[in-house]
N, C-alpha and C. Protein backbone atom coordinates (compact mmCIF):
# COMPACT_ATOMS: atom_id res chain seq x y z
N MET A 1 31.23 -131.10 -76.67
CA MET A 1 32.59 -131.44 -76.95
C MET A 1 33.00 -132.64 -76.12
N ASN A 2 33.63 -133.57 -76.76
CA ASN A 2 34.08 -134.72 -76.00
C ASN A 2 35.46 -134.43 -75.40
N LYS A 3 35.92 -135.36 -74.63
CA LYS A 3 37.16 -135.15 -73.89
C LYS A 3 38.38 -135.06 -74.81
N LYS A 4 38.37 -135.85 -75.90
CA LYS A 4 39.51 -135.82 -76.82
C LYS A 4 39.63 -134.46 -77.49
N LYS A 5 38.49 -133.95 -77.98
CA LYS A 5 38.51 -132.66 -78.65
C LYS A 5 38.91 -131.56 -77.67
N LEU A 6 38.39 -131.65 -76.47
CA LEU A 6 38.73 -130.67 -75.45
C LEU A 6 40.22 -130.73 -75.13
N ALA A 7 40.75 -131.92 -75.03
CA ALA A 7 42.18 -132.09 -74.74
C ALA A 7 43.01 -131.52 -75.88
N LYS A 8 42.57 -131.78 -77.12
CA LYS A 8 43.29 -131.24 -78.28
C LYS A 8 43.26 -129.72 -78.28
N ALA A 9 42.11 -129.15 -78.01
CA ALA A 9 41.96 -127.69 -78.00
C ALA A 9 42.84 -127.08 -76.91
N VAL A 10 42.83 -127.71 -75.74
CA VAL A 10 43.66 -127.20 -74.63
C VAL A 10 45.13 -127.33 -75.01
N PHE A 11 45.49 -128.47 -75.59
CA PHE A 11 46.88 -128.69 -75.98
C PHE A 11 47.30 -127.67 -77.03
N LYS A 12 46.39 -127.42 -78.04
CA LYS A 12 46.71 -126.43 -79.06
C LYS A 12 46.86 -125.05 -78.43
N GLY A 13 46.00 -124.72 -77.52
CA GLY A 13 46.10 -123.43 -76.85
C GLY A 13 47.38 -123.31 -76.04
N VAL A 14 47.67 -124.37 -75.34
CA VAL A 14 48.93 -124.37 -74.56
C VAL A 14 50.11 -124.32 -75.50
N PHE A 15 50.02 -125.06 -76.58
CA PHE A 15 51.11 -125.10 -77.54
C PHE A 15 51.32 -123.72 -78.17
N LYS A 16 50.19 -123.06 -78.54
CA LYS A 16 50.31 -121.72 -79.10
C LYS A 16 50.90 -120.76 -78.07
N GLY A 17 50.45 -120.89 -76.85
CA GLY A 17 51.01 -120.05 -75.78
C GLY A 17 52.48 -120.32 -75.55
N ALA A 18 52.80 -121.60 -75.62
CA ALA A 18 54.21 -121.98 -75.43
C ALA A 18 55.04 -121.45 -76.59
N LYS A 19 54.45 -121.50 -77.80
CA LYS A 19 55.16 -120.97 -78.96
C LYS A 19 55.43 -119.48 -78.79
N LYS A 20 54.40 -118.76 -78.35
CA LYS A 20 54.57 -117.33 -78.12
C LYS A 20 55.61 -117.07 -77.04
N LEU A 21 55.55 -117.88 -76.00
CA LEU A 21 56.52 -117.74 -74.92
C LEU A 21 57.93 -118.02 -75.42
N LEU A 22 58.07 -119.06 -76.25
CA LEU A 22 59.38 -119.39 -76.82
C LEU A 22 59.88 -118.27 -77.72
N LYS A 23 58.99 -117.70 -78.51
CA LYS A 23 59.40 -116.58 -79.36
C LYS A 23 59.89 -115.41 -78.51
N GLY A 24 59.17 -115.15 -77.44
CA GLY A 24 59.60 -114.07 -76.54
C GLY A 24 60.95 -114.36 -75.91
N VAL A 25 61.15 -115.61 -75.52
CA VAL A 25 62.43 -116.01 -74.92
C VAL A 25 63.54 -115.90 -75.96
N LYS A 26 63.24 -116.34 -77.20
CA LYS A 26 64.25 -116.24 -78.26
C LYS A 26 64.61 -114.79 -78.53
N LYS A 27 63.59 -113.92 -78.56
CA LYS A 27 63.87 -112.50 -78.76
C LYS A 27 64.71 -111.94 -77.64
N LEU A 28 64.40 -112.34 -76.41
CA LEU A 28 65.16 -111.88 -75.27
C LEU A 28 66.60 -112.37 -75.35
N LYS A 29 66.75 -113.66 -75.72
CA LYS A 29 68.11 -114.21 -75.87
C LYS A 29 68.86 -113.48 -76.97
N ALA A 30 68.16 -113.20 -78.08
CA ALA A 30 68.79 -112.49 -79.19
C ALA A 30 69.22 -111.09 -78.74
N PHE A 31 68.33 -110.43 -77.96
CA PHE A 31 68.67 -109.11 -77.45
C PHE A 31 69.89 -109.18 -76.54
N LYS A 32 69.88 -110.16 -75.63
CA LYS A 32 71.03 -110.31 -74.74
C LYS A 32 72.29 -110.62 -75.54
N LYS A 33 72.13 -111.47 -76.56
CA LYS A 33 73.27 -111.84 -77.38
C LYS A 33 73.82 -110.63 -78.13
N THR A 34 72.94 -109.82 -78.69
CA THR A 34 73.41 -108.63 -79.40
C THR A 34 74.04 -107.64 -78.42
N ARG A 35 73.47 -107.53 -77.23
CA ARG A 35 74.06 -106.65 -76.24
C ARG A 35 75.46 -107.13 -75.87
N ARG A 36 75.58 -108.46 -75.68
CA ARG A 36 76.88 -109.04 -75.39
C ARG A 36 77.83 -108.81 -76.56
N THR A 37 77.31 -108.95 -77.78
CA THR A 37 78.14 -108.75 -78.97
C THR A 37 78.61 -107.31 -79.04
N VAL A 38 77.72 -106.38 -78.72
CA VAL A 38 78.11 -104.97 -78.72
C VAL A 38 79.18 -104.74 -77.67
N GLN A 39 79.01 -105.33 -76.49
CA GLN A 39 80.02 -105.18 -75.45
C GLN A 39 81.34 -105.80 -75.90
N ARG A 40 81.26 -106.99 -76.50
CA ARG A 40 82.48 -107.62 -77.00
C ARG A 40 83.11 -106.77 -78.10
N THR A 41 82.28 -106.19 -78.93
CA THR A 41 82.80 -105.35 -80.00
C THR A 41 83.51 -104.15 -79.42
N ARG A 42 82.92 -103.52 -78.41
CA ARG A 42 83.59 -102.39 -77.77
C ARG A 42 84.91 -102.82 -77.16
N LYS A 43 84.87 -103.96 -76.48
CA LYS A 43 86.10 -104.47 -75.86
C LYS A 43 87.13 -104.78 -76.93
N SER A 44 86.70 -105.40 -78.03
CA SER A 44 87.65 -105.77 -79.07
C SER A 44 88.20 -104.52 -79.76
N ILE A 45 87.38 -103.48 -79.90
CA ILE A 45 87.87 -102.23 -80.49
C ILE A 45 88.91 -101.62 -79.58
N LEU A 46 88.62 -101.59 -78.28
CA LEU A 46 89.57 -101.04 -77.32
C LEU A 46 90.85 -101.88 -77.31
N LEU A 47 90.70 -103.19 -77.29
CA LEU A 47 91.86 -104.06 -77.30
C LEU A 47 92.66 -103.87 -78.58
N GLY A 48 91.97 -103.75 -79.69
CA GLY A 48 92.66 -103.52 -80.97
C GLY A 48 93.43 -102.22 -80.96
N ALA A 49 92.84 -101.18 -80.38
CA ALA A 49 93.52 -99.89 -80.31
C ALA A 49 94.76 -99.97 -79.42
N VAL A 50 94.63 -100.66 -78.31
CA VAL A 50 95.77 -100.81 -77.40
C VAL A 50 96.87 -101.63 -78.07
N LEU A 51 96.48 -102.71 -78.73
CA LEU A 51 97.48 -103.54 -79.42
C LEU A 51 98.14 -102.78 -80.56
N MET A 52 97.37 -101.95 -81.26
CA MET A 52 97.95 -101.15 -82.33
C MET A 52 98.94 -100.14 -81.77
N LEU A 53 98.60 -99.55 -80.64
CA LEU A 53 99.52 -98.61 -79.99
C LEU A 53 100.81 -99.30 -79.58
N PHE A 54 100.68 -100.47 -78.95
CA PHE A 54 101.88 -101.21 -78.55
C PHE A 54 102.66 -101.69 -79.77
N GLY A 55 101.96 -102.04 -80.83
CA GLY A 55 102.64 -102.46 -82.06
C GLY A 55 103.47 -101.33 -82.66
N ARG A 56 102.89 -100.13 -82.70
CA ARG A 56 103.63 -98.99 -83.21
C ARG A 56 104.81 -98.65 -82.32
N LEU A 57 104.59 -98.70 -81.01
CA LEU A 57 105.67 -98.43 -80.07
C LEU A 57 106.79 -99.45 -80.24
N PHE A 58 106.42 -100.71 -80.40
CA PHE A 58 107.42 -101.77 -80.62
C PHE A 58 108.19 -101.52 -81.92
N ALA A 59 107.49 -101.12 -82.98
CA ALA A 59 108.15 -100.86 -84.26
C ALA A 59 109.14 -99.70 -84.14
N ILE A 60 108.74 -98.65 -83.43
CA ILE A 60 109.63 -97.50 -83.24
C ILE A 60 110.86 -97.91 -82.43
N LEU A 61 110.63 -98.65 -81.36
CA LEU A 61 111.76 -99.09 -80.52
C LEU A 61 112.68 -100.04 -81.29
N ALA A 62 112.11 -100.89 -82.12
CA ALA A 62 112.93 -101.80 -82.93
C ALA A 62 113.78 -101.02 -83.92
N ALA A 63 113.21 -99.98 -84.52
CA ALA A 63 113.98 -99.15 -85.46
C ALA A 63 115.11 -98.42 -84.75
N VAL A 64 114.82 -97.87 -83.57
CA VAL A 64 115.86 -97.18 -82.79
C VAL A 64 116.96 -98.15 -82.40
N TYR A 65 116.58 -99.35 -81.99
CA TYR A 65 117.58 -100.37 -81.63
C TYR A 65 118.44 -100.73 -82.82
N ALA A 66 117.83 -100.88 -83.99
CA ALA A 66 118.59 -101.23 -85.20
C ALA A 66 119.59 -100.12 -85.55
N VAL A 67 119.16 -98.87 -85.44
CA VAL A 67 120.07 -97.75 -85.74
C VAL A 67 121.22 -97.72 -84.74
N LEU A 68 120.91 -97.87 -83.47
CA LEU A 68 121.99 -97.86 -82.46
C LEU A 68 122.94 -99.04 -82.63
N PHE A 69 122.41 -100.18 -83.01
CA PHE A 69 123.28 -101.33 -83.26
C PHE A 69 124.19 -101.07 -84.45
N ALA A 70 123.66 -100.45 -85.51
CA ALA A 70 124.49 -100.13 -86.68
C ALA A 70 125.60 -99.15 -86.29
N VAL A 71 125.27 -98.16 -85.46
CA VAL A 71 126.29 -97.21 -84.99
C VAL A 71 127.38 -97.95 -84.22
N PHE A 72 126.97 -98.87 -83.35
CA PHE A 72 127.96 -99.63 -82.58
C PHE A 72 128.77 -100.57 -83.47
N PHE A 73 128.11 -101.29 -84.36
CA PHE A 73 128.77 -102.31 -85.16
C PHE A 73 129.80 -101.71 -86.11
N PHE A 74 129.47 -100.60 -86.74
CA PHE A 74 130.38 -99.98 -87.70
C PHE A 74 131.22 -98.87 -87.07
N ASP A 75 131.14 -98.69 -85.78
CA ASP A 75 131.91 -97.68 -85.04
C ASP A 75 131.72 -96.29 -85.66
N LEU A 76 130.49 -95.95 -85.93
CA LEU A 76 130.20 -94.69 -86.60
C LEU A 76 130.46 -93.49 -85.72
N ASP A 77 130.32 -93.65 -84.41
CA ASP A 77 130.59 -92.52 -83.53
C ASP A 77 132.08 -92.18 -83.52
N GLY A 78 132.94 -93.20 -83.53
CA GLY A 78 134.39 -92.96 -83.58
C GLY A 78 134.81 -92.34 -84.91
N LYS A 79 134.21 -92.82 -85.99
CA LYS A 79 134.53 -92.26 -87.31
C LYS A 79 134.08 -90.81 -87.41
N LEU A 80 132.93 -90.50 -86.83
CA LEU A 80 132.46 -89.12 -86.82
C LEU A 80 133.44 -88.23 -86.05
N MET A 81 133.89 -88.72 -84.90
CA MET A 81 134.84 -87.94 -84.11
C MET A 81 136.15 -87.75 -84.88
N TYR A 82 136.64 -88.80 -85.55
CA TYR A 82 137.93 -88.75 -86.22
C TYR A 82 137.89 -87.89 -87.48
N TYR A 83 136.83 -88.02 -88.28
CA TYR A 83 136.80 -87.34 -89.57
C TYR A 83 136.12 -85.97 -89.55
N VAL A 84 135.29 -85.69 -88.57
CA VAL A 84 134.55 -84.43 -88.57
C VAL A 84 134.93 -83.55 -87.37
N VAL A 85 134.81 -84.07 -86.18
CA VAL A 85 134.99 -83.24 -84.98
C VAL A 85 136.45 -82.90 -84.74
N GLU A 86 137.33 -83.89 -84.84
CA GLU A 86 138.74 -83.64 -84.53
C GLU A 86 139.38 -82.65 -85.50
N PRO A 87 139.17 -82.75 -86.82
CA PRO A 87 139.76 -81.72 -87.70
C PRO A 87 139.24 -80.31 -87.39
N PHE A 88 137.97 -80.21 -87.05
CA PHE A 88 137.43 -78.90 -86.69
C PHE A 88 138.11 -78.37 -85.43
N LEU A 89 138.27 -79.23 -84.42
CA LEU A 89 138.91 -78.79 -83.18
C LEU A 89 140.38 -78.45 -83.39
N VAL A 90 141.06 -79.25 -84.20
CA VAL A 90 142.48 -78.98 -84.47
C VAL A 90 142.62 -77.63 -85.18
N LYS A 91 141.78 -77.41 -86.17
CA LYS A 91 141.83 -76.16 -86.91
C LYS A 91 141.54 -74.98 -85.98
N HIS A 92 140.56 -75.16 -85.11
CA HIS A 92 140.18 -74.08 -84.20
C HIS A 92 141.30 -73.78 -83.18
N TYR A 93 141.84 -74.81 -82.57
CA TYR A 93 142.81 -74.58 -81.50
C TYR A 93 144.22 -74.31 -82.03
N ASP A 94 144.53 -74.66 -83.27
CA ASP A 94 145.84 -74.34 -83.83
C ASP A 94 145.95 -72.84 -84.13
N LYS A 95 144.83 -72.18 -84.36
CA LYS A 95 144.85 -70.76 -84.66
C LYS A 95 144.95 -69.90 -83.40
N MET A 96 144.77 -70.48 -82.24
CA MET A 96 144.77 -69.69 -81.01
C MET A 96 146.17 -69.14 -80.72
N GLU A 97 146.19 -67.92 -80.21
CA GLU A 97 147.44 -67.31 -79.78
C GLU A 97 147.79 -67.84 -78.40
N ARG A 98 149.00 -68.33 -78.28
CA ARG A 98 149.45 -68.84 -76.97
C ARG A 98 150.77 -68.16 -76.61
N ARG A 99 150.99 -68.04 -75.34
CA ARG A 99 152.29 -67.53 -74.92
C ARG A 99 153.27 -68.70 -74.89
N ASN A 100 154.45 -68.41 -75.18
CA ASN A 100 155.48 -69.44 -75.22
C ASN A 100 156.18 -69.46 -73.86
N PRO A 101 156.04 -70.55 -73.13
CA PRO A 101 156.67 -70.58 -71.80
C PRO A 101 158.20 -70.61 -71.88
N LEU A 102 158.77 -70.94 -73.04
CA LEU A 102 160.23 -70.98 -73.16
C LEU A 102 160.82 -69.57 -73.29
N ASP A 103 160.01 -68.66 -73.74
CA ASP A 103 160.50 -67.28 -73.90
C ASP A 103 160.52 -66.53 -72.58
N MET A 104 159.84 -66.97 -71.58
CA MET A 104 159.77 -66.26 -70.31
C MET A 104 161.06 -66.51 -69.52
N PRO A 105 161.50 -65.49 -68.75
CA PRO A 105 162.67 -65.71 -67.89
C PRO A 105 162.38 -66.78 -66.84
N TYR A 106 163.39 -67.43 -66.39
CA TYR A 106 163.24 -68.55 -65.47
C TYR A 106 162.63 -68.14 -64.15
N GLU A 107 162.86 -66.93 -63.68
CA GLU A 107 162.36 -66.49 -62.41
C GLU A 107 160.84 -66.27 -62.41
N MET A 108 160.26 -66.04 -63.56
CA MET A 108 158.82 -65.76 -63.64
C MET A 108 157.98 -67.04 -63.66
N LYS A 109 158.62 -68.11 -63.89
CA LYS A 109 157.85 -69.37 -63.95
C LYS A 109 157.39 -69.71 -62.61
């Protein structure tokens, strides 16, 4: 074998070895990348769950705020007191038996 052929054979062997080494490195990188992707996926799932929880909480609080604002804006609590509670209380307390302080003698007061 002459030097050129020997150099080519060595180069091919080194090249094949380098190719195998590169494939191994690529597989390792792919494995690391998928592991990172799985970790990111877990993190994104957790983040998504937390954001969904906060989103629902925000929606509930916004609805409660809207209802309370409507009660304030239309004075619904005052109207409830005037049209429902007060007539009930008037009816209840007008039926009560009371003593008449004018009928009592002056000395007993």
